Protein backbone atom coordinates (compact mmCIF):
# COMPACT_ATOMS: atom_id res chain seq x y z
CA MET A 1 -6.66 35.51 -33.52
CA LEU A 2 -6.22 35.70 -37.27
CA SER A 3 -5.68 38.95 -38.98
CA TYR A 4 -6.00 39.67 -42.64
CA SER A 5 -5.93 42.63 -44.96
CA ARG A 6 -9.08 44.28 -46.09
CA GLY A 7 -8.50 43.25 -49.70
CA ILE A 8 -8.50 39.50 -49.05
CA ALA A 9 -11.62 39.21 -46.86
CA PRO A 10 -14.19 40.22 -49.60
CA MET A 11 -12.64 37.75 -51.99
CA ILE A 12 -13.00 34.81 -49.52
CA VAL A 13 -16.64 35.66 -48.92
CA ALA A 14 -17.26 35.89 -52.58
CA ALA A 15 -15.58 32.53 -53.21
CA THR A 16 -17.60 30.89 -50.49
CA ILE A 17 -20.89 32.14 -51.80
CA ALA A 18 -20.02 31.06 -55.35
CA CYS A 19 -19.02 27.55 -54.14
CA ASN A 20 -22.24 27.01 -52.23
CA ALA A 21 -24.47 28.04 -55.04
CA PRO A 22 -26.36 25.06 -56.51
CA VAL A 23 -25.08 23.95 -59.90
CA ARG A 24 -27.63 22.81 -62.63
CA HIS A 25 -26.43 20.82 -65.53
CA GLN A 26 -28.44 20.36 -68.58
CA ALA A 27 -27.74 17.42 -70.88
CA ALA A 28 -27.35 18.08 -74.51
CA PRO A 29 -30.18 16.72 -76.61
CA VAL A 30 -29.52 13.28 -77.94
CA PRO A 31 -30.63 12.55 -81.46
CA PRO A 32 -32.73 9.34 -82.09
CA PRO A 33 -30.46 6.26 -82.97
CA SER A 34 -30.25 5.45 -86.55
CA ALA A 35 -31.51 2.22 -88.00
CA ALA A 36 -27.89 1.01 -88.31
CA ALA A 37 -27.18 1.67 -84.68
CA GLN A 38 -30.46 -0.16 -83.70
CA ALA A 39 -29.46 -3.32 -85.63
CA THR A 40 -28.20 -6.21 -83.45
CA PRO A 41 -24.77 -7.61 -84.05
CA ALA A 42 -26.17 -10.76 -85.58
CA ASP A 43 -27.94 -8.59 -88.26
CA ALA A 44 -24.67 -7.07 -89.53
CA THR A 45 -22.72 -10.24 -89.81
CA THR A 46 -21.57 -12.52 -92.59
CA ASP A 47 -20.36 -16.11 -92.88
CA SER A 48 -16.67 -16.24 -93.73
CA PRO A 49 -14.94 -18.87 -95.76
CA ALA A 50 -11.82 -18.44 -93.56
CA PRO A 51 -11.05 -21.58 -91.43
CA TYR A 52 -12.21 -21.69 -87.83
CA GLN A 53 -9.63 -21.27 -85.15
CA GLY A 54 -11.20 -21.76 -81.73
CA PRO A 55 -12.40 -24.16 -79.11
CA ALA A 56 -13.31 -27.65 -80.20
CA VAL A 57 -16.91 -27.79 -81.37
CA THR A 58 -19.01 -30.91 -82.17
CA ILE A 59 -22.72 -31.32 -83.26
CA ALA A 60 -24.70 -34.52 -82.94
CA LEU A 61 -28.15 -35.00 -84.58
CA ASN A 62 -30.89 -36.71 -82.65
CA LYS A 63 -31.45 -40.24 -84.06
CA ASN A 64 -34.88 -40.71 -82.45
CA GLY A 65 -36.80 -38.89 -85.19
CA THR A 66 -37.21 -35.66 -83.22
CA PRO A 67 -35.69 -32.75 -85.09
CA ALA A 68 -33.02 -31.88 -82.54
CA ALA A 69 -29.30 -31.55 -82.23
CA THR A 70 -26.73 -31.17 -79.42
CA VAL A 71 -23.81 -28.79 -79.84
CA LYS A 72 -20.87 -29.32 -77.43
CA VAL A 73 -17.92 -27.04 -77.01
CA THR A 74 -14.74 -27.68 -74.98
CA PHE A 75 -13.03 -24.48 -73.66
CA THR A 76 -9.47 -24.81 -72.37
CA THR A 77 -10.14 -22.20 -69.70
CA GLY A 78 -12.89 -20.99 -67.47
CA GLY A 79 -14.81 -17.72 -67.96
CA TRP A 80 -16.59 -18.60 -71.33
CA GLU A 81 -20.22 -18.07 -72.30
CA LEU A 82 -22.10 -19.69 -75.17
CA LYS A 83 -24.94 -17.50 -76.69
CA ARG A 84 -27.18 -18.48 -79.68
CA ASP A 85 -27.45 -15.64 -82.06
CA ARG A 86 -29.93 -17.31 -84.52
CA SER A 87 -30.93 -20.73 -85.81
CA ARG A 88 -33.02 -21.81 -88.80
CA VAL A 89 -33.98 -24.86 -90.85
CA LYS A 90 -34.30 -24.68 -94.68
CA ASP A 91 -34.89 -27.61 -96.89
CA THR A 92 -34.01 -30.15 -94.07
CA PHE A 93 -30.72 -28.28 -93.45
CA GLY A 94 -30.18 -26.71 -90.00
CA VAL A 95 -27.85 -23.81 -89.47
CA VAL A 96 -27.01 -22.28 -86.06
CA HIS A 97 -24.93 -19.17 -85.43
CA LEU A 98 -23.31 -18.98 -81.95
CA THR A 99 -21.19 -16.39 -80.24
CA PHE A 100 -18.53 -17.56 -77.70
CA ALA A 101 -17.83 -14.71 -75.23
CA GLY A 102 -14.51 -15.33 -73.49
CA PRO A 103 -12.38 -13.54 -70.96
CA GLY A 104 -10.67 -10.39 -71.97
CA PRO A 105 -6.93 -10.14 -72.53
CA ASP A 106 -6.23 -9.05 -68.97
CA ASP A 107 -8.74 -11.31 -67.20
CA MET A 108 -7.57 -14.02 -64.83
CA VAL A 109 -9.16 -17.38 -65.45
CA ALA A 110 -8.83 -20.92 -64.19
CA GLN A 111 -6.75 -23.31 -66.48
CA VAL A 112 -9.34 -26.13 -66.59
CA MET A 113 -11.21 -27.84 -69.32
CA GLN A 114 -14.79 -26.67 -69.39
CA GLU A 115 -17.48 -28.26 -71.64
CA LYS A 116 -20.64 -26.38 -72.49
CA THR A 117 -23.62 -27.92 -74.21
CA TRP A 118 -26.43 -26.21 -76.15
CA GLU A 119 -29.58 -28.24 -77.10
CA TRP A 120 -31.42 -27.33 -80.22
CA GLU A 121 -34.91 -28.57 -80.97
CA SER A 122 -36.83 -27.46 -84.10
CA SER A 123 -40.36 -27.62 -85.29
CA GLU A 124 -39.07 -28.38 -88.74
CA PRO A 125 -37.23 -31.59 -89.41
CA PHE A 126 -33.55 -31.54 -90.49
CA SER A 127 -31.14 -34.26 -91.52
CA ARG A 128 -27.92 -32.18 -91.81
CA ALA A 129 -26.66 -29.33 -89.69
CA GLU A 130 -23.82 -26.69 -89.47
CA VAL A 131 -22.49 -24.66 -86.55
CA TRP A 132 -21.12 -21.22 -87.31
CA VAL A 133 -19.11 -19.37 -84.55
CA ARG A 134 -17.69 -16.03 -83.87
CA ILE A 135 -15.40 -15.47 -80.80
CA ALA A 136 -15.75 -12.26 -78.85
CA ARG A 137 -13.63 -11.11 -75.95
CA ARG A 138 -15.07 -9.21 -73.05
CA GLY A 139 -14.27 -5.50 -73.33
CA GLN A 140 -13.84 -5.67 -77.17
CA ALA A 141 -16.32 -5.40 -80.02
CA PRO A 142 -17.44 -8.74 -81.37
CA PRO A 143 -16.22 -9.61 -84.85
CA SER A 144 -18.66 -9.38 -87.69
CA GLU A 145 -17.78 -12.69 -89.29
CA TYR A 146 -18.86 -16.23 -88.32
CA ARG A 147 -16.72 -19.23 -89.24
CA LEU A 148 -17.81 -22.79 -89.89
CA ALA A 149 -16.86 -24.79 -86.72
CA ALA A 150 -18.74 -28.05 -87.07
CA ARG A 151 -20.95 -30.02 -89.55
CA ALA A 152 -23.09 -33.08 -89.22
CA PRO A 153 -23.01 -35.46 -91.21
């Protein structure tokens, strides 16, 4: 049988009651996002004159008369994704902006050559094209600058 002094027993009962009481949390009001916060990363980017340093990129124009191009990228490791941010044709000149999302600095990846292809077909004809690329790593913010990776012809 346990024994305790009179001073301790009321504190134990009070602590038990306080711990079993329901706790209600109220979230602080969140202000509406600003226009800058709503902008997509492609909206706040620029084309940089700095040289491209990344995986090999090629672009081939369709010779059959259909306004189309094929972009091929060769990655030296697995774990990469290719995402089109935007593409446009102006005065028979096609421009595409891509983001390559790669493994983070601590990710484990297979050391194999991996080729990814992106097919681009346009309603407007184009006879020349450029591929602008930015490289993002998982877990890090993507850069705001694209760099010229390939041009045809």
